[in-house]
C-alpha atoms as a PDB file:
ATOM      1  CA  MET A   1     -61.507-192.269 179.528  1.00  0.00           C
ATOM      2  CA  LYS A   2     -58.928-191.763 176.708  1.00  0.00           C
ATOM      3  CA  LYS A   3     -60.580-188.439 175.756  1.00  0.00           C
ATOM      4  CA  ILE A   4     -60.265-187.145 179.320  1.00  0.00           C
ATOM      5  CA  ILE A   5     -56.547-188.052 179.478  1.00  0.00           C
ATOM      6  CA  LEU A   6     -55.870-186.341 176.133  1.00  0.00           C
ATOM      7  CA  ILE A   7     -57.528-183.117 177.294  1.00  0.00           C
ATOM      8  CA  VAL A   8     -55.495-183.091 180.490  1.00  0.00           C
ATOM      9  CA  VAL A   9     -52.214-183.607 178.575  1.00  0.00           C
ATOM     10  CA  VAL A  10     -52.977-180.757 176.154  1.00  0.00           C
ATOM     11  CA  ALA A  11     -53.846-178.432 179.029  1.00  0.00           C
ATOM     12  CA  ILE A  12     -50.569-179.242 180.776  1.00  0.00           C
ATOM     13  CA  MET A  13     -48.605-178.519 177.555  1.00  0.00           C
ATOM     14  CA  PHE A  14     -50.122-175.012 177.164  1.00  0.00           C
ATOM     15  CA  VAL A  15     -49.616-173.913 180.765  1.00  0.00           C
ATOM     16  CA  PRO A  16     -45.969-172.652 180.241  1.00  0.00           C
ATOM     17  CA  VAL A  17     -46.950-170.787 177.094  1.00  0.00           C
ATOM     18  CA  ILE A  18     -49.808-169.038 178.802  1.00  0.00           C
ATOM     19  CA  GLN A  19     -47.570-168.164 181.713  1.00  0.00           C
ATOM     20  CA  ALA A  20     -44.816-166.806 179.384  1.00  0.00           C
ATOM     21  CA  GLN A  21     -47.234-164.565 177.561  1.00  0.00           C
ATOM     22  CA  THR A  22     -48.909-163.165 180.656  1.00  0.00           C
ATOM     23  CA  SER A  23     -45.932-162.829 182.983  1.00  0.00           C
ATOM     24  CA  SER A  24     -44.979-159.294 184.059  1.00  0.00           C
ATOM     25  CA  TRP A  25     -41.770-157.588 182.960  1.00  0.00           C
ATOM     26  CA  LEU A  26     -39.311-157.235 185.776  1.00  0.00           C
ATOM     27  CA  LEU A  27     -37.680-153.877 186.534  1.00  0.00           C
ATOM     28  CA  ASN A  28     -34.303-155.491 187.104  1.00  0.00           C
ATOM     29  CA  GLY A  29     -34.236-157.337 183.769  1.00  0.00           C
ATOM     30  CA  ASN A  30     -35.972-160.345 182.216  1.00  0.00           C
ATOM     31  CA  SER A  31     -34.083-163.539 181.584  1.00  0.00           C
ATOM     32  CA  ASN A  32     -37.048-165.337 180.037  1.00  0.00           C
ATOM     33  CA  ALA A  33     -37.679-162.833 177.186  1.00  0.00           C
ATOM     34  CA  LEU A  34     -38.524-164.402 173.853  1.00  0.00           C
ATOM     35  CA  GLY A  35     -38.004-163.180 170.288  1.00  0.00           C
ATOM     36  CA  SER A  36     -41.676-162.273 170.240  1.00  0.00           C
ATOM     37  CA  SER A  37     -41.572-160.412 173.572  1.00  0.00           C
ATOM     38  CA  PHE A  38     -42.349-156.692 173.544  1.00  0.00           C
ATOM     39  CA  ILE A  39     -43.451-153.751 175.634  1.00  0.00           C
ATOM     40  CA  GLY A  40     -46.501-152.139 174.118  1.00  0.00           C
ATOM     41  CA  THR A  41     -50.180-152.449 173.423  1.00  0.00           C
ATOM     42  CA  THR A  42     -52.158-154.991 171.414  1.00  0.00           C
ATOM     43  CA  ASN A  43     -55.255-152.841 171.048  1.00  0.00           C
ATOM     44  CA  ASN A  44     -55.786-149.448 169.389  1.00  0.00           C
ATOM     45  CA  VAL A  45     -54.385-147.245 172.172  1.00  0.00           C
ATOM     46  CA  PRO A  46     -51.069-145.314 172.239  1.00  0.00           C
ATOM     47  CA  LEU A  47     -48.072-146.292 174.322  1.00  0.00           C
ATOM     48  CA  LEU A  48     -47.363-143.628 176.936  1.00  0.00           C
ATOM     49  CA  PHE A  49     -44.255-143.093 179.074  1.00  0.00           C
ATOM     50  CA  LYS A  50     -44.737-141.218 182.339  1.00  0.00           C
ATOM     51  CA  THR A  51     -42.662-139.863 185.192  1.00  0.00           C
ATOM     52  CA  ASN A  52     -44.197-138.394 188.321  1.00  0.00           C
ATOM     53  CA  ASN A  53     -47.487-139.492 186.770  1.00  0.00           C
ATOM     54  CA  VAL A  54     -47.032-136.965 183.946  1.00  0.00           C
ATOM     55  CA  THR A  55     -46.853-138.132 180.337  1.00  0.00           C
ATOM     56  CA  ARG A  56     -43.371-137.345 178.978  1.00  0.00           C
ATOM     57  CA  MET A  57     -43.388-139.371 175.753  1.00  0.00           C
ATOM     58  CA  GLY A  58     -46.050-140.987 173.600  1.00  0.00           C
ATOM     59  CA  LEU A  59     -46.079-143.404 170.664  1.00  0.00           C
ATOM     60  CA  LEU A  60     -49.233-143.418 168.550  1.00  0.00           C
ATOM     61  CA  SER A  61     -51.161-146.619 168.048  1.00  0.00           C
ATOM     62  CA  ASN A  62     -51.750-146.236 164.301  1.00  0.00           C
ATOM     63  CA  LYS A  63     -48.547-144.479 163.106  1.00  0.00           C
ATOM     64  CA  ALA A  64     -44.817-144.608 163.847  1.00  0.00           C
ATOM     65  CA  TYR A  65     -45.031-141.128 165.407  1.00  0.00           C
ATOM     66  CA  LEU A  66     -43.061-140.554 168.610  1.00  0.00           C
ATOM     67  CA  GLY A  67     -43.760-137.465 170.673  1.00  0.00           C
ATOM     68  CA  ILE A  68     -41.526-136.042 173.405  1.00  0.00           C
ATOM     69  CA  GLY A  69     -43.399-133.612 175.598  1.00  0.00           C
ATOM     70  CA  ILE A  70     -46.584-134.432 173.712  1.00  0.00           C
ATOM     71  CA  ASP A  71     -48.710-137.593 173.619  1.00  0.00           C
ATOM     72  CA  ASN A  72     -50.331-136.923 170.224  1.00  0.00           C
ATOM     73  CA  PRO A  73     -47.334-136.251 167.896  1.00  0.00           C
ATOM     74  CA  VAL A  74     -47.925-135.165 164.287  1.00  0.00           C
ATOM     75  CA  GLY A  75     -44.509-136.200 162.895  1.00  0.00           C
ATOM     76  CA  ASN A  76     -42.162-139.168 163.054  1.00  0.00           C
ATOM     77  CA  LEU A  77     -40.301-137.364 165.856  1.00  0.00           C
ATOM     78  CA  HIS A  78     -42.138-134.471 167.471  1.00  0.00           C
ATOM     79  CA  LEU A  79     -40.518-132.379 170.212  1.00  0.00           C
ATOM     80  CA  HIS A  80     -42.879-130.064 172.079  1.00  0.00           C
ATOM     81  CA  SER A  81     -42.403-127.636 174.958  1.00  0.00           C
ATOM     82  CA  ALA A  82     -45.225-126.289 177.117  1.00  0.00           C
ATOM     83  CA  ILE A  83     -45.687-122.636 177.991  1.00  0.00           C
ATOM     84  CA  THR A  84     -44.141-121.689 181.315  1.00  0.00           C
ATOM     85  CA  ALA A  85     -44.649-118.638 183.474  1.00  0.00           C
ATOM     86  CA  GLY A  86     -44.279-115.329 181.685  1.00  0.00           C
ATOM     87  CA  PHE A  87     -44.124-114.937 177.923  1.00  0.00           C
ATOM     88  CA  ASN A  88     -41.252-117.315 177.122  1.00  0.00           C
ATOM     89  CA  LEU A  89     -41.371-120.905 176.021  1.00  0.00           C
ATOM     90  CA  THR A  90     -39.262-123.654 177.472  1.00  0.00           C
ATOM     91  CA  PRO A  91     -36.864-124.226 174.550  1.00  0.00           C
ATOM     92  CA  ASN A  92     -36.865-127.386 172.489  1.00  0.00           C
ATOM     93  CA  VAL A  93     -33.329-128.771 172.473  1.00  0.00           C
ATOM     94  CA  PHE A  94     -32.038-131.583 170.279  1.00  0.00           C
ATOM     95  CA  LEU A  95     -28.590-132.448 171.660  1.00  0.00           C
ATOM     96  CA  MET A  96     -25.936-134.912 170.499  1.00  0.00           C
ATOM     97  CA  THR A  97     -22.812-135.488 172.624  1.00  0.00           C
ATOM     98  CA  ASN A  98     -20.157-138.156 173.032  1.00  0.00           C
ATOM     99  CA  ASN A  99     -17.211-138.990 175.258  1.00  0.00           C
ATOM    100  CA  THR A 100     -14.988-136.578 173.348  1.00  0.00           C
ATOM    101  CA  THR A 101     -17.334-133.575 173.497  1.00  0.00           C
ATOM    102  CA  GLY A 102     -18.607-134.128 177.024  1.00  0.00           C
ATOM    103  CA  ALA A 103     -22.263-134.413 177.981  1.00  0.00           C
ATOM    104  CA  LEU A 104     -23.144-130.945 179.328  1.00  0.00           C
ATOM    105  CA  ILE A 105     -25.676-128.531 177.824  1.00  0.00           C
ATOM    106  CA  THR A 106     -22.702-126.531 176.522  1.00  0.00           C
ATOM    107  CA  ASP A 107     -21.231-129.516 174.675  1.00  0.00           C
ATOM    108  CA  GLY A 108     -21.755-131.251 171.355  1.00  0.00           C
ATOM    109  CA  PHE A 109     -24.184-130.382 168.594  1.00  0.00           C
ATOM    110  CA  GLN A 110     -27.516-128.665 169.253  1.00  0.00           C
ATOM    111  CA  ILE A 111     -30.676-127.658 167.458  1.00  0.00           C
ATOM    112  CA  VAL A 112     -32.545-125.206 169.673  1.00  0.00           C
ATOM    113  CA  GLN A 113     -35.979-123.655 169.201  1.00  0.00           C
ATOM    114  CA  GLN A 114     -36.727-120.639 171.397  1.00  0.00           C
ATOM    115  CA  LYS A 115     -40.153-119.173 170.697  1.00  0.00           C
ATOM    116  CA  THR A 116     -40.209-119.175 166.869  1.00  0.00           C
ATOM    117  CA  ALA A 117     -36.425-118.801 166.415  1.00  0.00           C
ATOM    118  CA  VAL A 118     -34.353-121.865 165.519  1.00  0.00           C
ATOM    119  CA  SER A 119     -30.576-122.117 166.014  1.00  0.00           C
ATOM    120  CA  ILE A 120     -28.269-124.860 164.736  1.00  0.00           C
ATOM    121  CA  MET A 121     -25.058-124.843 166.758  1.00  0.00           C
ATOM    122  CA  GLN A 122     -21.770-126.714 166.821  1.00  0.00           C
ATOM    123  CA  LEU A 123     -20.623-125.965 170.358  1.00  0.00           C
ATOM    124  CA  GLU A 124     -17.175-127.505 170.069  1.00  0.00           C
ATOM    125  CA  LYS A 125     -14.190-125.717 168.506  1.00  0.00           C
ATOM    126  CA  ALA A 126     -14.477-127.674 165.277  1.00  0.00           C
ATOM    127  CA  ASN A 127     -15.732-127.291 161.725  1.00  0.00           C
ATOM    128  CA  PHE A 128     -19.456-127.613 161.060  1.00  0.00           C
ATOM    129  CA  SER A 129     -20.178-129.259 157.695  1.00  0.00           C
ATOM    130  CA  ILE A 130     -23.275-129.802 155.595  1.00  0.00           C
ATOM    131  CA  LEU A 131     -22.434-132.190 152.766  1.00  0.00           C
ATOM    132  CA  ASN A 132     -24.231-133.965 149.948  1.00  0.00           C
ATOM    133  CA  ASN A 133     -22.297-136.711 148.193  1.00  0.00           C
ATOM    134  CA  GLY A 134     -19.077-135.214 149.523  1.00  0.00           C
ATOM    135  CA  ASN A 135     -19.838-131.646 148.391  1.00  0.00           C
ATOM    136  CA  GLY A 136     -21.399-128.814 150.345  1.00  0.00           C
ATOM    137  CA  LEU A 137     -20.444-126.096 152.790  1.00  0.00           C
ATOM    138  CA  VAL A 138     -18.202-125.818 155.834  1.00  0.00           C
ATOM    139  CA  ILE A 139     -18.288-123.226 158.630  1.00  0.00           C
ATOM    140  CA  ASP A 140     -14.901-123.155 160.325  1.00  0.00           C
ATOM    141  CA  THR A 141     -14.062-122.025 163.836  1.00  0.00           C
ATOM    142  CA  ASN A 142     -13.540-118.412 162.651  1.00  0.00           C
ATOM    143  CA  GLY A 143     -17.033-118.239 161.161  1.00  0.00           C
ATOM    144  CA  TYR A 144     -15.694-118.451 157.601  1.00  0.00           C
ATOM    145  CA  VAL A 145     -17.982-120.282 155.173  1.00  0.00           C
ATOM    146  CA  GLY A 146     -16.424-122.444 152.489  1.00  0.00           C
ATOM    147  CA  PHE A 147     -18.149-124.114 149.563  1.00  0.00           C
ATOM    148  CA  ASN A 148     -16.336-127.222 148.303  1.00  0.00           C
ATOM    149  CA  THR A 149     -13.391-126.479 150.582  1.00  0.00           C
ATOM    150  CA  GLN A 150     -12.583-127.469 154.149  1.00  0.00           C
ATOM    151  CA  TYR A 151     -10.306-124.434 154.551  1.00  0.00           C
ATOM    152  CA  PRO A 152     -12.146-121.176 153.675  1.00  0.00           C
ATOM    153  CA  LYS A 153      -9.853-118.138 153.488  1.00  0.00           C
ATOM    154  CA  GLN A 154     -12.550-115.422 153.548  1.00  0.00           C
ATOM    155  CA  LYS A 155     -16.012-114.983 155.075  1.00  0.00           C
ATOM    156  CA  ILE A 156     -17.358-116.655 151.931  1.00  0.00           C
ATOM    157  CA  HIS A 157     -14.975-118.806 149.892  1.00  0.00           C
ATOM    158  CA  VAL A 158     -16.221-120.678 146.822  1.00  0.00           C
ATOM    159  CA  VAL A 159     -13.932-123.215 145.155  1.00  0.00           C
ATOM    160  CA  ASP A 160     -14.385-124.501 141.607  1.00  0.00           C
ATOM    161  CA  ASN A 161     -17.753-122.887 140.916  1.00  0.00           C
ATOM    162  CA  ASN A 162     -19.692-119.627 140.566  1.00  0.00           C
ATOM    163  CA  ILE A 163     -21.986-117.441 142.639  1.00  0.00           C
ATOM    164  CA  LEU A 164     -25.211-116.767 140.729  1.00  0.00           C
ATOM    165  CA  ILE A 165     -27.938-114.210 141.504  1.00  0.00           C
ATOM    166  CA  THR A 166     -31.029-114.375 139.311  1.00  0.00           C
ATOM    167  CA  ARG A 167     -34.445-112.764 139.364  1.00  0.00           C
ATOM    168  CA  THR A 168     -37.374-112.810 136.993  1.00  0.00           C
ATOM    169  CA  SER A 169     -36.867-110.240 134.255  1.00  0.00           C
ATOM    170  CA  THR A 170     -38.161-106.807 135.218  1.00  0.00           C
ATOM    171  CA  ARG A 171     -39.603-106.673 131.731  1.00  0.00           C
ATOM    172  CA  ALA A 172     -42.205-109.038 133.207  1.00  0.00           C
ATOM    173  CA  PRO A 173     -44.801-107.409 135.518  1.00  0.00           C
ATOM    174  CA  GLY A 174     -44.081-107.611 139.230  1.00  0.00           C
ATOM    175  CA  SER A 175     -40.433-108.685 139.006  1.00  0.00           C
ATOM    176  CA  THR A 176     -37.420-106.869 140.443  1.00  0.00           C
ATOM    177  CA  ASN A 177     -33.638-106.967 140.233  1.00  0.00           C
ATOM    178  CA  GLY A 178     -31.349-108.614 142.758  1.00  0.00           C
ATOM    179  CA  ALA A 179     -28.278-106.739 144.012  1.00  0.00           C
ATOM    180  CA  VAL A 180     -25.098-107.157 146.038  1.00  0.00           C
ATOM    181  CA  LEU A 181     -25.008-104.302 148.566  1.00  0.00           C
ATOM    182  CA  PHE A 182     -22.004-102.695 150.270  1.00  0.00           C
ATOM    183  CA  GLY A 183     -21.808-100.355 153.238  1.00  0.00           C
ATOM    184  CA  GLU A 184     -20.143 -99.584 156.537  1.00  0.00           C
ATOM    185  CA  GLU A 185     -23.157-100.812 158.460  1.00  0.00           C
ATOM    186  CA  ALA A 186     -26.848-101.543 158.018  1.00  0.00           C
ATOM    187  CA  THR A 187     -29.765-100.978 160.360  1.00  0.00           C
ATOM    188  CA  SER A 188     -33.392-102.015 160.263  1.00  0.00           C
ATOM    189  CA  THR A 189     -34.337 -98.547 158.994  1.00  0.00           C
ATOM    190  CA  CYS A 190     -31.398 -98.276 156.553  1.00  0.00           C
ATOM    191  CA  PRO A 191     -30.852-101.818 155.271  1.00  0.00           C
ATOM    192  CA  TYR A 192     -29.369-101.103 151.836  1.00  0.00           C
ATOM    193  CA  GLY A 193     -25.815-100.020 152.616  1.00  0.00           C
ATOM    194  CA  VAL A 194     -24.125 -97.336 150.534  1.00  0.00           C
ATOM    195  CA  TRP A 195     -23.395 -98.942 147.150  1.00  0.00           C
ATOM    196  CA  GLY A 196     -25.029-101.693 145.153  1.00  0.00           C
ATOM    197  CA  VAL A 197     -24.247-103.814 142.100  1.00  0.00           C
ATOM    198  CA  GLU A 198     -27.163-105.356 140.227  1.00  0.00           C
ATOM    199  CA  TYR A 199     -27.967-106.891 136.890  1.00  0.00           C
ATOM    200  CA  LEU A 200     -30.434-104.588 135.166  1.00  0.00           C
ATOM    201  CA  ASN A 201     -32.803-106.319 132.764  1.00  0.00           C
ATOM    202  CA  GLU A 202     -35.261-103.730 131.520  1.00  0.00           C
ATOM    203  CA  GLU A 203     -36.462-102.379 128.211  1.00  0.00           C
ATOM    204  CA  SER A 204     -34.317 -99.290 128.809  1.00  0.00           C
ATOM    205  CA  GLY A 205     -31.115-101.257 129.243  1.00  0.00           C
ATOM    206  CA  GLN A 206     -29.574-104.621 130.012  1.00  0.00           C
ATOM    207  CA  GLY A 207     -26.291-104.902 131.873  1.00  0.00           C
ATOM    208  CA  LEU A 208     -24.458-104.536 135.173  1.00  0.00           C
ATOM    209  CA  ASN A 209     -25.452-101.413 137.096  1.00  0.00           C
ATOM    210  CA  PHE A 210     -23.230 -99.896 139.799  1.00  0.00           C
ATOM    211  CA  TRP A 211     -25.578 -97.654 141.786  1.00  0.00           C
ATOM    212  CA  LYS A 212     -25.613 -95.440 144.868  1.00  0.00           C
ATOM    213  CA  THR A 213     -28.364 -96.597 147.210  1.00  0.00           C
ATOM    214  CA  TRP A 214     -31.029 -94.154 148.296  1.00  0.00           C
ATOM    215  CA  ASN A 215     -30.783 -95.543 151.833  1.00  0.00           C
ATOM    216  CA  CYS A 216     -32.034 -93.062 154.433  1.00  0.00           C
ATOM    217  CA  THR A 217     -30.662 -89.881 152.871  1.00  0.00           C
ATOM    218  CA  GLY A 218     -32.508 -90.016 149.560  1.00  0.00           C
ATOM    219  CA  LEU A 219     -29.313 -89.041 147.710  1.00  0.00           C
ATOM    220  CA  GLY A 220     -28.932 -92.188 145.639  1.00  0.00           C
ATOM    221  CA  PHE A 221     -28.578 -92.458 141.878  1.00  0.00           C
ATOM    222  CA  ASN A 222     -28.290 -95.113 139.196  1.00  0.00           C
ATOM    223  CA  TYR A 223     -25.694 -95.799 136.505  1.00  0.00           C
ATOM    224  CA  ALA A 224     -22.586 -94.501 138.275  1.00  0.00           C
ATOM    225  CA  LEU A 225     -21.070 -97.136 136.027  1.00  0.00           C
ATOM    226  CA  PHE A 226     -22.992 -99.322 133.609  1.00  0.00           C
ATOM    227  CA  LEU A 227     -21.536-102.316 131.740  1.00  0.00           C
ATOM    228  CA  ALA A 228     -23.961-103.078 128.932  1.00  0.00           C
ATOM    229  CA  ASP A 229     -24.513-106.555 127.515  1.00  0.00           C
ATOM    230  CA  ASN A 230     -23.014-105.444 124.184  1.00  0.00           C
ATOM    231  CA  GLY A 231     -19.711-104.512 125.867  1.00  0.00           C
ATOM    232  CA  ASN A 232     -20.255-100.748 125.883  1.00  0.00           C
ATOM    233  CA  VAL A 233     -19.576 -98.794 129.081  1.00  0.00           C
ATOM    234  CA  GLY A 234     -21.807 -95.990 130.281  1.00  0.00           C
ATOM    235  CA  ILE A 235     -21.287 -93.369 132.982  1.00  0.00           C
ATOM    236  CA  GLY A 236     -24.548 -91.716 133.933  1.00  0.00           C
ATOM    237  CA  THR A 237     -26.437 -93.679 131.264  1.00  0.00           C
ATOM    238  CA  ASN A 238     -27.788 -97.216 130.901  1.00  0.00           C
ATOM    239  CA  SER A 239     -27.796 -97.099 127.101  1.00  0.00           C
ATOM    240  CA  PRO A 240     -24.183 -96.376 126.038  1.00  0.00           C
ATOM    241  CA  GLN A 241     -23.901 -95.969 122.272  1.00  0.00           C
ATOM    242  CA  ALA A 242     -20.093 -96.356 122.144  1.00  0.00           C
ATOM    243  CA  LYS A 243     -17.350 -98.228 123.948  1.00  0.00           C
ATOM    244  CA  LEU A 244     -17.479 -95.384 126.488  1.00  0.00           C
ATOM    245  CA  SER A 245     -20.469 -93.036 126.793  1.00  0.00           C
ATOM    246  CA  VAL A 246     -20.440 -90.288 129.432  1.00  0.00           C
ATOM    247  CA  ASN A 247     -23.569 -88.346 130.318  1.00  0.00           C
ATOM    248  CA  GLY A 248     -21.802 -85.430 131.989  1.00  0.00           C
ATOM    249  CA  ASN A 249     -18.424 -83.730 132.267  1.00  0.00           C
ATOM    250  CA  ILE A 250     -14.976 -85.304 131.934  1.00  0.00           C
ATOM    251  CA  CYS A 251     -11.958 -83.962 133.829  1.00  0.00           C
ATOM    252  CA  ALA A 252      -8.558 -85.570 133.213  1.00  0.00           C
ATOM    253  CA  ASN A 253      -4.883 -84.800 133.581  1.00  0.00           C
ATOM    254  CA  GLU A 254      -4.202 -86.342 130.208  1.00  0.00           C
ATOM    255  CA  VAL A 255      -6.236 -87.708 127.321  1.00  0.00           C
ATOM    256  CA  ARG A 256      -4.473 -89.708 124.618  1.00  0.00           C
ATOM    257  CA  VAL A 257      -6.282 -90.583 121.393  1.00  0.00           C
ATOM    258  CA  SER A 258      -4.858 -93.156 119.009  1.00  0.00           C
ATOM    259  CA  LEU A 259      -5.708 -92.763 115.329  1.00  0.00           C
ATOM    260  CA  GLU A 260      -5.528 -95.448 112.690  1.00  0.00           C
ATOM    261  CA  GLY A 261      -5.405 -95.397 108.914  1.00  0.00           C
ATOM    262  CA  ILE A 262      -3.243 -93.589 106.372  1.00  0.00           C
ATOM    263  CA  PRO A 263      -3.007 -90.677 106.575  1.00  0.00           C
ATOM    264  CA  CYS A 264      -3.926 -90.373 110.264  1.00  0.00           C
ATOM    265  CA  TRP A 265      -2.334 -86.903 110.724  1.00  0.00           C
ATOM    266  CA  PRO A 266      -2.402 -83.989 108.253  1.00  0.00           C
ATOM    267  CA  ASP A 267       1.334 -83.640 107.580  1.00  0.00           C
ATOM    268  CA  TYR A 268       0.368 -84.092 103.925  1.00  0.00           C
ATOM    269  CA  VAL A 269      -0.683 -80.408 103.871  1.00  0.00           C
ATOM    270  CA  PHE A 270       2.978 -79.467 103.546  1.00  0.00           C
ATOM    271  CA  ASP A 271       3.631 -81.816 100.631  1.00  0.00           C
ATOM    272  CA  ARG A 272       4.547 -80.011  97.380  1.00  0.00           C
ATOM    273  CA  GLY A 273       1.609 -81.613  95.589  1.00  0.00           C
ATOM    274  CA  TYR A 274      -1.027 -80.512  98.093  1.00  0.00           C
ATOM    275  CA  LYS A 275      -3.655 -78.324  96.406  1.00  0.00           C
ATOM    276  CA  LEU A 276      -4.615 -75.454  98.636  1.00  0.00           C
ATOM    277  CA  MET A 277      -8.032 -73.935  97.938  1.00  0.00           C
ATOM    278  CA  ASN A 278      -7.642 -70.392  96.683  1.00  0.00           C
ATOM    279  CA  LEU A 279      -9.050 -67.690  98.917  1.00  0.00           C
ATOM    280  CA  SER A 280     -11.817 -66.643  96.548  1.00  0.00           C
ATOM    281  CA  ASP A 281     -13.159 -70.205  96.413  1.00  0.00           C
ATOM    282  CA  LEU A 282     -12.832 -70.451 100.198  1.00  0.00           C
ATOM    283  CA  ASP A 283     -14.782 -67.227 100.589  1.00  0.00           C
ATOM    284  CA  ALA A 284     -17.573 -68.563  98.390  1.00  0.00           C
ATOM    285  CA  PHE A 285     -17.669 -71.863 100.308  1.00  0.00           C
ATOM    286  CA  LEU A 286     -17.948 -70.053 103.643  1.00  0.00           C
ATOM    287  CA  LYS A 287     -20.796 -67.860 102.445  1.00  0.00           C
ATOM    288  CA  THR A 288     -22.704 -70.911 101.210  1.00  0.00           C
ATOM    289  CA  ASN A 289     -22.032 -73.481 103.961  1.00  0.00           C
ATOM    290  CA  LYS A 290     -21.283 -71.328 107.014  1.00  0.00           C
ATOM    291  CA  HIS A 291     -18.385 -73.589 108.053  1.00  0.00           C
ATOM    292  CA  LEU A 292     -14.880 -74.480 106.872  1.00  0.00           C
ATOM    293  CA  PRO A 293     -14.338 -77.283 104.347  1.00  0.00           C
ATOM    294  CA  ASP A 294     -13.989 -80.759 105.951  1.00  0.00           C
ATOM    295  CA  VAL A 295     -15.300 -79.373 109.258  1.00  0.00           C
ATOM    296  CA  PRO A 296     -18.718 -80.767 110.349  1.00  0.00           C
ATOM    297  CA  SER A 297     -21.636 -78.372 110.572  1.00  0.00           C
ATOM    298  CA  ALA A 298     -23.351 -77.445 113.843  1.00  0.00           C
ATOM    299  CA  GLU A 299     -26.327 -79.611 112.869  1.00  0.00           C
ATOM    300  CA  GLU A 300     -24.094 -82.643 112.287  1.00  0.00           C
ATOM    301  CA  VAL A 301     -22.376 -82.156 115.646  1.00  0.00           C
ATOM    302  CA  GLU A 302     -25.691 -81.794 117.440  1.00  0.00           C
ATOM    303  CA  GLN A 303     -26.998 -85.018 115.958  1.00  0.00           C
ATOM    304  CA  GLY A 304     -23.927 -87.240 116.082  1.00  0.00           C
ATOM    305  CA  GLY A 305     -21.299 -85.490 118.169  1.00  0.00           C
ATOM    306  CA  VAL A 306     -17.647 -85.371 117.116  1.00  0.00           C
ATOM    307  CA  ASP A 307     -14.740 -87.757 117.182  1.00  0.00           C
ATOM    308  CA  LEU A 308     -12.027 -86.029 119.219  1.00  0.00           C
ATOM    309  CA  GLY A 309      -9.160 -87.646 117.375  1.00  0.00           C
ATOM    310  CA  GLU A 310     -10.547 -86.941 113.914  1.00  0.00           C
ATOM    311  CA  MET A 311     -11.664 -83.428 114.912  1.00  0.00           C
ATOM    312  CA  ASN A 312      -8.196 -82.558 116.202  1.00  0.00           C
ATOM    313  CA  ALA A 313      -6.708 -83.808 112.931  1.00  0.00           C
ATOM    314  CA  VAL A 314      -9.163 -81.654 110.934  1.00  0.00           C
ATOM    315  CA  LEU A 315      -8.408 -78.598 113.068  1.00  0.00           C
ATOM    316  CA  LEU A 316      -4.666 -79.148 112.620  1.00  0.00           C
ATOM    317  CA  GLN A 317      -5.244 -79.439 108.874  1.00  0.00           C
ATOM    318  CA  LYS A 318      -6.993 -76.041 108.906  1.00  0.00           C
ATOM    319  CA  ILE A 319      -4.178 -74.523 110.979  1.00  0.00           C
ATOM    320  CA  GLU A 320      -1.578 -75.867 108.568  1.00  0.00           C
ATOM    321  CA  GLU A 321      -3.579 -74.544 105.585  1.00  0.00           C
ATOM    322  CA  MET A 322      -3.858 -71.192 107.346  1.00  0.00           C
ATOM    323  CA  THR A 323      -0.069 -71.223 107.828  1.00  0.00           C
ATOM    324  CA  LEU A 324       0.378 -71.772 104.102  1.00  0.00           C
ATOM    325  CA  TYR A 325      -2.022 -68.883 103.369  1.00  0.00           C
ATOM    326  CA  ILE A 326      -0.028 -66.630 105.728  1.00  0.00           C
ATOM    327  CA  ILE A 327       3.303 -67.619 104.175  1.00  0.00           C
ATOM    328  CA  ASP A 328       1.902 -66.978 100.702  1.00  0.00           C
ATOM    329  CA  LEU A 329       0.534 -63.607 101.778  1.00  0.00           C
ATOM    330  CA  GLN A 330       3.891 -62.694 103.338  1.00  0.00           C
ATOM    331  CA  LYS A 331       5.611 -63.540 100.075  1.00  0.00           C
ATOM    332  CA  GLN A 332       3.203 -61.245  98.214  1.00  0.00           C
ATOM    333  CA  ILE A 333       3.860 -58.469 100.740  1.00  0.00           C
ATOM    334  CA  ASP A 334       7.614 -58.902 100.391  1.00  0.00           C
ATOM    335  CA  GLU A 335       7.318 -58.721  96.590  1.00  0.00           C
ATOM    336  CA  LEU A 336       5.265 -55.537  96.844  1.00  0.00           C
ATOM    337  CA  LYS A 337       7.872 -54.022  99.176  1.00  0.00           C
ATOM    338  CA  THR A 338      10.650 -54.951  96.789  1.00  0.00           C
ATOM    339  CA  LYS A 339       8.823 -53.436  93.808  1.00  0.00           C
ATOM    340  CA  GLY A 340       7.981 -50.334  95.819  1.00  0.00           C
ATOM    341  CA  GLY A 341      11.615 -49.754  96.721  1.00  0.00           C
ATOM    342  CA  GLU A 342      12.859 -49.835  93.127  1.00  0.00           C
END
């Protein structure tokens, strides 16, 4: 008899628990929910959310993957749009709004996928920032992009850092140079603008190359200006051998050459102690060397060129020596005239 009473008491004690676990959730709220209450499944099937008997959202049974528009998501949050009539896709839209922005499709912050194109849009008249530990970029309401500044002053404004363009050295097979391109406009068939600046890193030369793009006309050329790594400047050449090397003509209103050293200008020719080569020795020198003393030969000029400043000084020296020869000859003529008149 005691055993029967004990069984009845235990059964009565478990009745509320069984009822709490099996009771249905009410659509107007549940006042008897427990800390262990949940909406979901206890077996290996996904949790599906439907409207109009069509699955709109699904949560996998074995992973924390939530799908919207798809009941078998492959990511933690997977948005999917089905193909509609025609060739377009219903766009995927991730939208965040608040009481300040408003809650329309034209408000707030959006990430939109249309076909394969993805757009990230701040629809309010406000700055759009991407930051990491307080640093990053800002796109202001004028479309100006600022790095490490909330107030960009140009289309791209970098504060307290550099802009770096690197490519694998073209001395390695398959690598190319990277360039900054300039032009009035660019089209899909002519994408390179009019001018480019690139770092050239080849066996033939290393430095900054200002070049005219070939574009659609085929009239481009390299080395309009070349700043070599060693500090030399080339025009028309990527291997300047001096501070300024020009492969072509030079036209200028004025050229000024500064000479250093003593003496830097041949005024010494008119000093009393200057020894002028006598004409017979000069004649012998010319017959042997085929050029004036101190003047480089044609072979030397062909191989190494001439220094304009030094060459002008040498030429002036020869002119001054010639003046002394003429004065001396005039003196001899005057003496002969004097003797002839006696």
